[in-house]
């Protein structure tokens, strides 16, 4: 018994069209922006110190990343 469920036949397989150089760069930049945004959102958050509750370690108005 031959199983051809997973194999594509030559008639159905379409050759992939080549991407232009501009399209490849646009895809790479978009991927980099999305990944860096997700990483920054998940790991870092900028805070401003509004009060003197942490005065021993941080001063009022300090910005921490």
PDB file of N, CA and C in Angstrom:
ATOM      1  N   UNK A   1       0.844  -1.162   0.000  1.00  0.00           N
ATOM      2  CA  UNK A   1       0.000   0.000   0.000  1.00  0.00           C
ATOM      3  C   UNK A   1       0.899   1.239   0.000  1.00  0.00           C
ATOM      4  N   UNK A   2       0.628   2.148  -0.932  1.00  0.00           N
ATOM      5  CA  UNK A   2       1.419   3.371  -1.018  1.00  0.00           C
ATOM      6  C   UNK A   2       0.657   4.511  -0.365  1.00  0.00           C
ATOM      7  N   UNK A   3       1.347   5.268   0.487  1.00  0.00           N
ATOM      8  CA  UNK A   3       0.741   6.407   1.172  1.00  0.00           C
ATOM      9  C   UNK A   3       1.218   7.692   0.509  1.00  0.00           C
ATOM     10  N   UNK A   4       0.343   8.392  -0.150  1.00  0.00           N
ATOM     11  CA  UNK A   4       0.699   9.648  -0.794  1.00  0.00           C
ATOM     12  C   UNK A   4      -0.056  10.820  -0.160  1.00  0.00           C
ATOM     13  N   UNK A   5      -0.480  10.663   1.069  1.00  0.00           N
ATOM     14  CA  UNK A   5      -1.221  11.720   1.731  1.00  0.00           C
ATOM     15  C   UNK A   5      -0.345  12.938   2.013  1.00  0.00           C
ATOM     16  N   UNK A   6       0.940  12.719   2.311  1.00  0.00           N
ATOM     17  CA  UNK A   6       1.806  13.813   2.706  1.00  0.00           C
ATOM     18  C   UNK A   6       2.682  14.337   1.579  1.00  0.00           C
ATOM     19  N   UNK A   7       2.717  13.640   0.486  1.00  0.00           N
ATOM     20  CA  UNK A   7       3.552  14.060  -0.637  1.00  0.00           C
ATOM     21  C   UNK A   7       2.735  14.894  -1.609  1.00  0.00           C
ATOM     22  N   UNK A   8       3.335  16.003  -2.042  1.00  0.00           N
ATOM     23  CA  UNK A   8       2.681  16.826  -3.047  1.00  0.00           C
ATOM     24  C   UNK A   8       3.057  16.317  -4.427  1.00  0.00           C
ATOM     25  N   UNK A   9       2.103  16.322  -5.290  1.00  0.00           N
ATOM     26  CA  UNK A   9       2.389  15.911  -6.657  1.00  0.00           C
ATOM     27  C   UNK A   9       2.968  17.095  -7.417  1.00  0.00           C
ATOM     28  N   UNK A  10       3.604  16.826  -8.507  1.00  0.00           N
ATOM     29  CA  UNK A  10       4.240  17.866  -9.297  1.00  0.00           C
ATOM     30  C   UNK A  10       3.220  18.853  -9.863  1.00  0.00           C
ATOM     31  N   UNK A  11       2.027  18.411 -10.150  1.00  0.00           N
ATOM     32  CA  UNK A  11       1.013  19.295 -10.730  1.00  0.00           C
ATOM     33  C   UNK A  11       0.509  20.310  -9.705  1.00  0.00           C
ATOM     34  N   UNK A  12       0.447  19.945  -8.429  1.00  0.00           N
ATOM     35  CA  UNK A  12      -0.081  20.839  -7.405  1.00  0.00           C
ATOM     36  C   UNK A  12       0.979  21.780  -6.844  1.00  0.00           C
ATOM     37  N   UNK A  13       2.232  21.374  -6.864  1.00  0.00           N
ATOM     38  CA  UNK A  13       3.298  22.188  -6.269  1.00  0.00           C
ATOM     39  C   UNK A  13       3.564  23.416  -7.137  1.00  0.00           C
ATOM     40  N   UNK A  14       3.478  24.587  -6.514  1.00  0.00           N
ATOM     41  CA  UNK A  14       3.766  25.826  -7.229  1.00  0.00           C
ATOM     42  C   UNK A  14       5.125  26.342  -6.782  1.00  0.00           C
ATOM     43  N   UNK A  15       5.931  26.800  -7.703  1.00  0.00           N
ATOM     44  CA  UNK A  15       7.219  27.367  -7.291  1.00  0.00           C
ATOM     45  C   UNK A  15       7.002  28.688  -6.560  1.00  0.00           C
ATOM     46  N   UNK A  16       7.781  28.908  -5.504  1.00  0.00           N
ATOM     47  CA  UNK A  16       7.649  30.139  -4.738  1.00  0.00           C
ATOM     48  C   UNK A  16       8.224  31.304  -5.527  1.00  0.00           C
ATOM     49  N   UNK A  17       7.503  32.419  -5.489  1.00  0.00           N
ATOM     50  CA  UNK A  17       7.991  33.623  -6.156  1.00  0.00           C
ATOM     51  C   UNK A  17       9.078  34.245  -5.295  1.00  0.00           C
ATOM     52  N   UNK A  18      10.126  34.741  -5.919  1.00  0.00           N
ATOM     53  CA  UNK A  18      11.221  35.368  -5.193  1.00  0.00           C
ATOM     54  C   UNK A  18      10.802  36.729  -4.692  1.00  0.00           C
ATOM     55  N   UNK A  19      11.205  37.049  -3.471  1.00  0.00           N
ATOM     56  CA  UNK A  19      10.906  38.361  -2.906  1.00  0.00           C
ATOM     57  C   UNK A  19      11.932  39.370  -3.425  1.00  0.00           C
ATOM     58  N   UNK A  20      11.466  40.592  -3.587  1.00  0.00           N
ATOM     59  CA  UNK A  20      12.391  41.636  -3.999  1.00  0.00           C
ATOM     60  C   UNK A  20      13.273  42.021  -2.822  1.00  0.00           C
ATOM     61  N   UNK A  21      14.351  42.717  -3.099  1.00  0.00           N
ATOM     62  CA  UNK A  21      15.275  43.134  -2.051  1.00  0.00           C
ATOM     63  C   UNK A  21      14.583  44.069  -1.068  1.00  0.00           C
ATOM     64  N   UNK A  22      13.759  44.977  -1.570  1.00  0.00           N
ATOM     65  CA  UNK A  22      13.037  45.904  -0.698  1.00  0.00           C
ATOM     66  C   UNK A  22      12.066  45.149   0.203  1.00  0.00           C
ATOM     67  N   UNK A  23      11.406  44.146  -0.318  1.00  0.00           N
ATOM     68  CA  UNK A  23      10.462  43.347   0.463  1.00  0.00           C
ATOM     69  C   UNK A  23      11.179  42.561   1.554  1.00  0.00           C
ATOM     70  N   UNK A  24      12.366  42.007   1.238  1.00  0.00           N
ATOM     71  CA  UNK A  24      13.134  41.282   2.241  1.00  0.00           C
ATOM     72  C   UNK A  24      13.563  42.209   3.368  1.00  0.00           C
ATOM     73  N   UNK A  25      14.022  43.419   3.029  1.00  0.00           N
ATOM     74  CA  UNK A  25      14.432  44.392   4.046  1.00  0.00           C
ATOM     75  C   UNK A  25      13.235  44.825   4.886  1.00  0.00           C
ATOM     76  N   UNK A  26      12.109  45.062   4.248  1.00  0.00           N
ATOM     77  CA  UNK A  26      10.905  45.475   4.968  1.00  0.00           C
ATOM     78  C   UNK A  26      10.473  44.378   5.943  1.00  0.00           C
ATOM     79  N   UNK A  27      10.517  43.131   5.521  1.00  0.00           N
ATOM     80  CA  UNK A  27      10.170  42.017   6.402  1.00  0.00           C
ATOM     81  C   UNK A  27      11.136  41.924   7.578  1.00  0.00           C
ATOM     82  N   UNK A  28      12.423  42.098   7.320  1.00  0.00           N
ATOM     83  CA  UNK A  28      13.427  42.014   8.378  1.00  0.00           C
ATOM     84  C   UNK A  28      13.261  43.149   9.387  1.00  0.00           C
ATOM     85  N   UNK A  29      13.017  44.359   8.914  1.00  0.00           N
ATOM     86  CA  UNK A  29      12.837  45.503   9.807  1.00  0.00           C
ATOM     87  C   UNK A  29      11.567  45.338  10.628  1.00  0.00           C
ATOM     88  N   UNK A  30      10.493  44.905   9.998  1.00  0.00           N
ATOM     89  CA  UNK A  30       9.234  44.705  10.712  1.00  0.00           C
ATOM     90  C   UNK A  30       9.393  43.626  11.792  1.00  0.00           C
ATOM     91  N   UNK A  31      10.071  42.550  11.478  1.00  0.00           N
ATOM     92  CA  UNK A  31      10.316  41.495  12.450  1.00  0.00           C
ATOM     93  C   UNK A  31      11.140  42.023  13.624  1.00  0.00           C
ATOM     94  N   UNK A  32      12.194  42.799  13.337  1.00  0.00           N
ATOM     95  CA  UNK A  32      13.053  43.346  14.389  1.00  0.00           C
ATOM     96  C   UNK A  32      12.281  44.296  15.302  1.00  0.00           C
ATOM     97  N   UNK A  33      11.430  45.125  14.733  1.00  0.00           N
ATOM     98  CA  UNK A  33      10.654  46.074  15.531  1.00  0.00           C
ATOM     99  C   UNK A  33       9.667  45.332  16.432  1.00  0.00           C
ATOM    100  N   UNK A  34       8.996  44.344  15.900  1.00  0.00           N
ATOM    101  CA  UNK A  34       8.017  43.588  16.682  1.00  0.00           C
ATOM    102  C   UNK A  34       8.697  42.824  17.811  1.00  0.00           C
ATOM    103  N   UNK A  35       9.802  42.162  17.515  1.00  0.00           N
ATOM    104  CA  UNK A  35      10.503  41.382  18.539  1.00  0.00           C
ATOM    105  C   UNK A  35      11.068  42.292  19.620  1.00  0.00           C
ATOM    106  N   UNK A  36      11.681  43.405  19.223  1.00  0.00           N
ATOM    107  CA  UNK A  36      12.250  44.305  20.230  1.00  0.00           C
ATOM    108  C   UNK A  36      11.159  44.940  21.091  1.00  0.00           C
ATOM    109  N   UNK A  37      10.003  45.233  20.500  1.00  0.00           N
ATOM    110  CA  UNK A  37       8.893  45.778  21.280  1.00  0.00           C
ATOM    111  C   UNK A  37       8.388  44.768  22.298  1.00  0.00           C
ATOM    112  N   UNK A  38       8.252  43.535  21.898  1.00  0.00           N
ATOM    113  CA  UNK A  38       7.785  42.486  22.816  1.00  0.00           C
ATOM    114  C   UNK A  38       8.795  42.262  23.930  1.00  0.00           C
ATOM    115  N   UNK A  39      10.077  42.231  23.603  1.00  0.00           N
ATOM    116  CA  UNK A  39      11.106  42.023  24.625  1.00  0.00           C
ATOM    117  C   UNK A  39      11.121  43.184  25.607  1.00  0.00           C
ATOM    118  N   UNK A  40      11.058  44.405  25.102  1.00  0.00           N
ATOM    119  CA  UNK A  40      11.079  45.568  25.995  1.00  0.00           C
ATOM    120  C   UNK A  40       9.824  45.602  26.865  1.00  0.00           C
ATOM    121  N   UNK A  41       8.685  45.291  26.287  1.00  0.00           N
ATOM    122  CA  UNK A  41       7.433  45.285  27.037  1.00  0.00           C
ATOM    123  C   UNK A  41       7.466  44.223  28.143  1.00  0.00           C
ATOM    124  N   UNK A  42       8.061  43.068  27.851  1.00  0.00           N
ATOM    125  CA  UNK A  42       8.049  41.962  28.801  1.00  0.00           C
ATOM    126  C   UNK A  42       9.138  42.071  29.867  1.00  0.00           C
ATOM    127  N   UNK A  43      10.198  42.847  29.624  1.00  0.00           N
ATOM    128  CA  UNK A  43      11.314  42.835  30.563  1.00  0.00           C
ATOM    129  C   UNK A  43      11.593  44.165  31.239  1.00  0.00           C
ATOM    130  N   UNK A  44      11.424  45.283  30.565  1.00  0.00           N
ATOM    131  CA  UNK A  44      11.783  46.578  31.119  1.00  0.00           C
ATOM    132  C   UNK A  44      10.570  47.489  31.193  1.00  0.00           C
ATOM    133  N   UNK A  45      10.579  48.344  32.192  1.00  0.00           N
ATOM    134  CA  UNK A  45       9.528  49.349  32.319  1.00  0.00           C
ATOM    135  C   UNK A  45      10.163  50.580  32.952  1.00  0.00           C
ATOM    136  N   UNK A  46       9.940  51.737  32.365  1.00  0.00           N
ATOM    137  CA  UNK A  46      10.504  52.976  32.897  1.00  0.00           C
ATOM    138  C   UNK A  46       9.593  53.518  34.001  1.00  0.00           C
ATOM    139  N   UNK A  47      10.192  53.963  35.084  1.00  0.00           N
ATOM    140  CA  UNK A  47       9.448  54.506  36.211  1.00  0.00           C
ATOM    141  C   UNK A  47      10.019  55.855  36.608  1.00  0.00           C
ATOM    142  N   UNK A  48       9.160  56.764  37.023  1.00  0.00           N
ATOM    143  CA  UNK A  48       9.575  58.027  37.634  1.00  0.00           C
ATOM    144  C   UNK A  48       9.234  57.932  39.113  1.00  0.00           C
ATOM    145  N   UNK A  49      10.141  58.397  39.953  1.00  0.00           N
ATOM    146  CA  UNK A  49       9.935  58.333  41.398  1.00  0.00           C
ATOM    147  C   UNK A  49       9.187  59.599  41.828  1.00  0.00           C
ATOM    148  N   UNK A  50       7.888  59.509  42.169  1.00  0.00           N
ATOM    149  CA  UNK A  50       7.100  60.699  42.445  1.00  0.00           C
ATOM    150  C   UNK A  50       7.176  61.204  43.887  1.00  0.00           C
ATOM    151  N   UNK A  51       7.568  60.352  44.821  1.00  0.00           N
ATOM    152  CA  UNK A  51       7.535  60.781  46.223  1.00  0.00           C
ATOM    153  C   UNK A  51       8.831  60.379  46.918  1.00  0.00           C
ATOM    154  N   UNK A  52       8.911  60.721  48.188  1.00  0.00           N
ATOM    155  CA  UNK A  52      10.136  60.454  48.945  1.00  0.00           C
ATOM    156  C   UNK A  52      10.082  59.119  49.692  1.00  0.00           C
ATOM    157  N   UNK A  53       9.253  58.214  49.287  1.00  0.00           N
ATOM    158  CA  UNK A  53       9.108  56.943  50.001  1.00  0.00           C
ATOM    159  C   UNK A  53      10.362  56.077  49.905  1.00  0.00           C
ATOM    160  N   UNK A  54      11.168  56.255  48.862  1.00  0.00           N
ATOM    161  CA  UNK A  54      12.401  55.478  48.699  1.00  0.00           C
ATOM    162  C   UNK A  54      13.626  56.394  48.793  1.00  0.00           C
ATOM    163  N   UNK A  55      13.570  57.396  49.622  1.00  0.00           N
ATOM    164  CA  UNK A  55      14.591  58.429  49.656  1.00  0.00           C
ATOM    165  C   UNK A  55      15.979  57.906  50.002  1.00  0.00           C
ATOM    166  N   UNK A  56      16.086  56.806  50.727  1.00  0.00           N
ATOM    167  CA  UNK A  56      17.407  56.273  51.068  1.00  0.00           C
ATOM    168  C   UNK A  56      18.146  55.758  49.836  1.00  0.00           C
ATOM    169  N   UNK A  57      17.416  55.285  48.839  1.00  0.00           N
ATOM    170  CA  UNK A  57      18.072  54.747  47.651  1.00  0.00           C
ATOM    171  C   UNK A  57      17.813  55.568  46.394  1.00  0.00           C
ATOM    172  N   UNK A  58      16.676  56.210  46.295  1.00  0.00           N
ATOM    173  CA  UNK A  58      16.321  57.006  45.124  1.00  0.00           C
ATOM    174  C   UNK A  58      15.797  58.360  45.569  1.00  0.00           C
ATOM    175  N   UNK A  59      16.131  59.396  44.804  1.00  0.00           N
ATOM    176  CA  UNK A  59      15.682  60.741  45.128  1.00  0.00           C
ATOM    177  C   UNK A  59      14.410  61.067  44.367  1.00  0.00           C
ATOM    178  N   UNK A  60      13.646  62.054  44.847  1.00  0.00           N
ATOM    179  CA  UNK A  60      12.414  62.478  44.188  1.00  0.00           C
ATOM    180  C   UNK A  60      12.763  63.007  42.803  1.00  0.00           C
ATOM    181  N   UNK A  61      12.034  62.550  41.804  1.00  0.00           N
ATOM    182  CA  UNK A  61      12.253  62.999  40.430  1.00  0.00           C
ATOM    183  C   UNK A  61      13.218  62.124  39.644  1.00  0.00           C
ATOM    184  N   UNK A  62      13.854  61.151  40.288  1.00  0.00           N
ATOM    185  CA  UNK A  62      14.748  60.244  39.572  1.00  0.00           C
ATOM    186  C   UNK A  62      13.943  59.413  38.569  1.00  0.00           C
ATOM    187  N   UNK A  63      14.609  59.035  37.509  1.00  0.00           N
ATOM    188  CA  UNK A  63      14.004  58.146  36.501  1.00  0.00           C
ATOM    189  C   UNK A  63      14.768  56.850  36.516  1.00  0.00           C
ATOM    190  N   UNK A  64      14.059  55.758  36.635  1.00  0.00           N
ATOM    191  CA  UNK A  64      14.675  54.439  36.638  1.00  0.00           C
ATOM    192  C   UNK A  64      14.130  53.621  35.486  1.00  0.00           C
ATOM    193  N   UNK A  65      14.971  52.836  34.901  1.00  0.00           N
ATOM    194  CA  UNK A  65      14.566  51.953  33.805  1.00  0.00           C
ATOM    195  C   UNK A  65      14.369  50.576  34.313  1.00  0.00           C
TER     196      UNK A  65
END
